[in-house]
Amino acid sequence: QVQLVESGGGLVQPGGSARLSCAASGFTFSSYYQSWVRQAPGKGPEWVSAINTGGCSTRYADSVKGRFTISRDNAKNTLYLQMNSLKPEDTAVYYCAADHSPYGLVESDQYAYDYWGQGTQVTVSS
């Protein structure tokens, strides 16, 4: 049974940091590109970041570039998102997603991905 389980969300003050984790099971994690996608209240989903299978190539949306860092530990089957200098507009449900495409996806539609997590809420507020 394939599972992607996100954790690490919660309430964070503006300017603060948070680290999200996504634990994968039921598939060969190291063979899949991994992405983070978020959805803010009342808005459509937004692709945030992606990382290749080996972890050496990363991409970011302009809205988070320089503040967020994606990484992965293939030995632990876990994906991470380190979020610094958080802003209220970063408030969203954050989803991790996996795809087996040759070059990775820059895609916000969950149906484009092979696997999708249940999401973790991040709220940035004072």
C-alpha atoms as a PDB file:
ATOM      1  CA  GLN A   1       0.000   0.000   0.000  1.00  0.00           C
ATOM      2  CA  VAL A   2       1.468   3.314  -1.112  1.00  0.00           C
ATOM      3  CA  GLN A   3       1.576   6.050   1.499  1.00  0.00           C
ATOM      4  CA  LEU A   4       2.927   9.591   1.662  1.00  0.00           C
ATOM      5  CA  VAL A   5       2.490  10.986   5.157  1.00  0.00           C
ATOM      6  CA  GLU A   6       3.312  14.637   5.796  1.00  0.00           C
ATOM      7  CA  SER A   7       4.111  16.060   9.202  1.00  0.00           C
ATOM      8  CA  GLY A   8       5.652  19.139  10.800  1.00  0.00           C
ATOM      9  CA  GLY A   9       2.945  21.698  10.140  1.00  0.00           C
ATOM     10  CA  GLY A  10       1.409  23.973  12.713  1.00  0.00           C
ATOM     11  CA  LEU A  11       1.203  27.596  13.789  1.00  0.00           C
ATOM     12  CA  VAL A  12       4.305  29.678  13.104  1.00  0.00           C
ATOM     13  CA  GLN A  13       4.927  33.380  13.649  1.00  0.00           C
ATOM     14  CA  PRO A  14       5.823  35.592  10.695  1.00  0.00           C
ATOM     15  CA  GLY A  15       9.552  35.469  10.133  1.00  0.00           C
ATOM     16  CA  GLY A  16       9.771  32.073  11.775  1.00  0.00           C
ATOM     17  CA  SER A  17      10.775  28.681  10.446  1.00  0.00           C
ATOM     18  CA  ALA A  18       9.263  25.246  10.097  1.00  0.00           C
ATOM     19  CA  ARG A  19      10.404  21.934   8.694  1.00  0.00           C
ATOM     20  CA  LEU A  20       7.996  19.633   6.948  1.00  0.00           C
ATOM     21  CA  SER A  21       8.626  15.927   6.488  1.00  0.00           C
ATOM     22  CA  CYS A  22       6.997  13.429   4.180  1.00  0.00           C
ATOM     23  CA  ALA A  23       7.462   9.741   4.963  1.00  0.00           C
ATOM     24  CA  ALA A  24       7.021   7.452   1.981  1.00  0.00           C
ATOM     25  CA  SER A  25       6.238   3.746   1.897  1.00  0.00           C
ATOM     26  CA  GLY A  26       4.934   1.130  -0.494  1.00  0.00           C
ATOM     27  CA  PHE A  27       6.983   2.181  -3.520  1.00  0.00           C
ATOM     28  CA  THR A  28      10.626   2.677  -4.492  1.00  0.00           C
ATOM     29  CA  PHE A  29      11.062   6.183  -3.134  1.00  0.00           C
ATOM     30  CA  SER A  30      14.546   6.657  -4.591  1.00  0.00           C
ATOM     31  CA  SER A  31      13.244   6.155  -8.133  1.00  0.00           C
ATOM     32  CA  TYR A  32      10.722   8.987  -8.019  1.00  0.00           C
ATOM     33  CA  TYR A  33      10.985  12.724  -8.345  1.00  0.00           C
ATOM     34  CA  GLN A  34       9.424  14.376  -5.300  1.00  0.00           C
ATOM     35  CA  SER A  35       7.554  17.643  -5.086  1.00  0.00           C
ATOM     36  CA  TRP A  36       5.778  19.898  -2.644  1.00  0.00           C
ATOM     37  CA  VAL A  37       2.498  21.525  -3.639  1.00  0.00           C
ATOM     38  CA  ARG A  38       0.454  23.835  -1.426  1.00  0.00           C
ATOM     39  CA  GLN A  39      -3.088  25.133  -1.382  1.00  0.00           C
ATOM     40  CA  ALA A  40      -4.019  28.296   0.458  1.00  0.00           C
ATOM     41  CA  PRO A  41      -7.560  28.883   1.723  1.00  0.00           C
ATOM     42  CA  GLY A  42      -9.869  29.845  -1.115  1.00  0.00           C
ATOM     43  CA  LYS A  43      -7.153  29.494  -3.757  1.00  0.00           C
ATOM     44  CA  GLY A  44      -6.066  26.899  -6.248  1.00  0.00           C
ATOM     45  CA  PRO A  45      -3.076  24.643  -5.661  1.00  0.00           C
ATOM     46  CA  GLU A  46       0.413  26.048  -6.217  1.00  0.00           C
ATOM     47  CA  TRP A  47       3.504  24.036  -7.072  1.00  0.00           C
ATOM     48  CA  VAL A  48       6.256  24.925  -4.583  1.00  0.00           C
ATOM     49  CA  SER A  49       9.380  22.860  -5.195  1.00  0.00           C
ATOM     50  CA  ALA A  50      10.751  19.655  -6.688  1.00  0.00           C
ATOM     51  CA  ILE A  51      13.826  17.486  -6.265  1.00  0.00           C
ATOM     52  CA  ASN A  52      15.282  14.825  -8.508  1.00  0.00           C
ATOM     53  CA  THR A  53      15.800  11.206  -7.544  1.00  0.00           C
ATOM     54  CA  GLY A  54      19.368  11.654  -6.333  1.00  0.00           C
ATOM     55  CA  GLY A  55      18.715  14.884  -4.487  1.00  0.00           C
ATOM     56  CA  CYS A  56      21.283  16.924  -6.416  1.00  0.00           C
ATOM     57  CA  SER A  57      18.884  18.972  -8.547  1.00  0.00           C
ATOM     58  CA  THR A  58      16.180  21.196  -7.103  1.00  0.00           C
ATOM     59  CA  ARG A  59      13.666  23.729  -8.399  1.00  0.00           C
ATOM     60  CA  TYR A  60      11.567  26.333  -6.661  1.00  0.00           C
ATOM     61  CA  ALA A  61       8.626  28.593  -7.342  1.00  0.00           C
ATOM     62  CA  ASP A  62       9.610  32.255  -7.407  1.00  0.00           C
ATOM     63  CA  SER A  63       7.380  32.868  -4.398  1.00  0.00           C
ATOM     64  CA  VAL A  64       9.571  30.706  -2.143  1.00  0.00           C
ATOM     65  CA  LYS A  65      12.997  30.890  -3.776  1.00  0.00           C
ATOM     66  CA  GLY A  66      15.687  31.829  -1.282  1.00  0.00           C
ATOM     67  CA  ARG A  67      13.466  31.014   1.698  1.00  0.00           C
ATOM     68  CA  PHE A  68      12.571  27.324   1.267  1.00  0.00           C
ATOM     69  CA  THR A  69      14.908  24.359   0.815  1.00  0.00           C
ATOM     70  CA  ILE A  70      13.809  20.944  -0.416  1.00  0.00           C
ATOM     71  CA  SER A  71      15.849  17.852   0.396  1.00  0.00           C
ATOM     72  CA  ARG A  72      15.465  14.110   0.629  1.00  0.00           C
ATOM     73  CA  ASP A  73      16.979  11.150   2.439  1.00  0.00           C
ATOM     74  CA  ASN A  74      16.586   8.087   0.264  1.00  0.00           C
ATOM     75  CA  ALA A  75      17.889   5.810   3.017  1.00  0.00           C
ATOM     76  CA  LYS A  76      14.993   6.948   5.204  1.00  0.00           C
ATOM     77  CA  ASN A  77      12.430   7.256   2.384  1.00  0.00           C
ATOM     78  CA  THR A  78      11.729  10.791   3.542  1.00  0.00           C
ATOM     79  CA  LEU A  79      11.270  14.135   1.825  1.00  0.00           C
ATOM     80  CA  TYR A  80      11.785  17.445   3.619  1.00  0.00           C
ATOM     81  CA  LEU A  81      10.918  21.096   3.170  1.00  0.00           C
ATOM     82  CA  GLN A  82      12.789  23.603   5.315  1.00  0.00           C
ATOM     83  CA  MET A  83      10.829  26.856   5.374  1.00  0.00           C
ATOM     84  CA  ASN A  84      12.477  30.030   6.652  1.00  0.00           C
ATOM     85  CA  SER A  85      11.368  33.673   6.805  1.00  0.00           C
ATOM     86  CA  LEU A  86       7.762  32.560   6.704  1.00  0.00           C
ATOM     87  CA  LYS A  87       5.091  35.030   5.634  1.00  0.00           C
ATOM     88  CA  PRO A  88       1.329  35.025   6.213  1.00  0.00           C
ATOM     89  CA  GLU A  89       0.883  34.285   2.510  1.00  0.00           C
ATOM     90  CA  ASP A  90       2.686  30.974   3.049  1.00  0.00           C
ATOM     91  CA  THR A  91      -0.340  29.782   5.019  1.00  0.00           C
ATOM     92  CA  ALA A  92      -1.629  26.691   3.229  1.00  0.00           C
ATOM     93  CA  VAL A  93      -2.030  22.954   3.320  1.00  0.00           C
ATOM     94  CA  TYR A  94       1.227  21.474   2.082  1.00  0.00           C
ATOM     95  CA  TYR A  95       1.193  18.232   0.113  1.00  0.00           C
ATOM     96  CA  CYS A  96       4.042  16.012  -0.971  1.00  0.00           C
ATOM     97  CA  ALA A  97       3.797  14.233  -4.297  1.00  0.00           C
ATOM     98  CA  ALA A  98       5.764  11.686  -6.266  1.00  0.00           C
ATOM     99  CA  ASP A  99       6.164  11.251 -10.000  1.00  0.00           C
ATOM    100  CA  HIS A 100       8.075   8.897 -12.231  1.00  0.00           C
ATOM    101  CA  SER A 101       8.523  11.250 -15.181  1.00  0.00           C
ATOM    102  CA  PRO A 102      11.980  11.540 -16.784  1.00  0.00           C
ATOM    103  CA  TYR A 103      12.571  15.166 -15.778  1.00  0.00           C
ATOM    104  CA  GLY A 104      10.171  15.803 -12.901  1.00  0.00           C
ATOM    105  CA  LEU A 105       6.997  17.859 -12.857  1.00  0.00           C
ATOM    106  CA  VAL A 106       6.329  21.528 -12.281  1.00  0.00           C
ATOM    107  CA  GLU A 107       2.651  20.878 -11.823  1.00  0.00           C
ATOM    108  CA  SER A 108       0.012  21.786  -9.253  1.00  0.00           C
ATOM    109  CA  ASP A 109      -2.638  19.276 -10.354  1.00  0.00           C
ATOM    110  CA  GLN A 110      -2.592  16.238  -8.041  1.00  0.00           C
ATOM    111  CA  TYR A 111      -3.780  13.981 -10.868  1.00  0.00           C
ATOM    112  CA  ALA A 112      -0.542  14.643 -12.756  1.00  0.00           C
ATOM    113  CA  TYR A 113       1.374  12.809 -10.023  1.00  0.00           C
ATOM    114  CA  ASP A 114       1.639   9.103  -9.371  1.00  0.00           C
ATOM    115  CA  TYR A 115       1.239   9.498  -5.603  1.00  0.00           C
ATOM    116  CA  TRP A 116      -0.094  12.286  -3.371  1.00  0.00           C
ATOM    117  CA  GLY A 117      -0.143  12.742   0.398  1.00  0.00           C
ATOM    118  CA  GLN A 118      -2.949  13.836   2.693  1.00  0.00           C
ATOM    119  CA  GLY A 119      -1.381  17.200   3.505  1.00  0.00           C
ATOM    120  CA  THR A 120      -0.256  19.114   6.584  1.00  0.00           C
ATOM    121  CA  GLN A 121      -1.519  22.559   7.583  1.00  0.00           C
ATOM    122  CA  VAL A 122       0.933  25.423   7.989  1.00  0.00           C
ATOM    123  CA  THR A 123      -0.459  28.639   9.431  1.00  0.00           C
ATOM    124  CA  VAL A 124       1.715  31.736   9.593  1.00  0.00           C
ATOM    125  CA  SER A 125       0.201  34.248  11.956  1.00  0.00           C
ATOM    126  CA  SER A 126       1.032  36.355  14.984  1.00  0.00           C
END
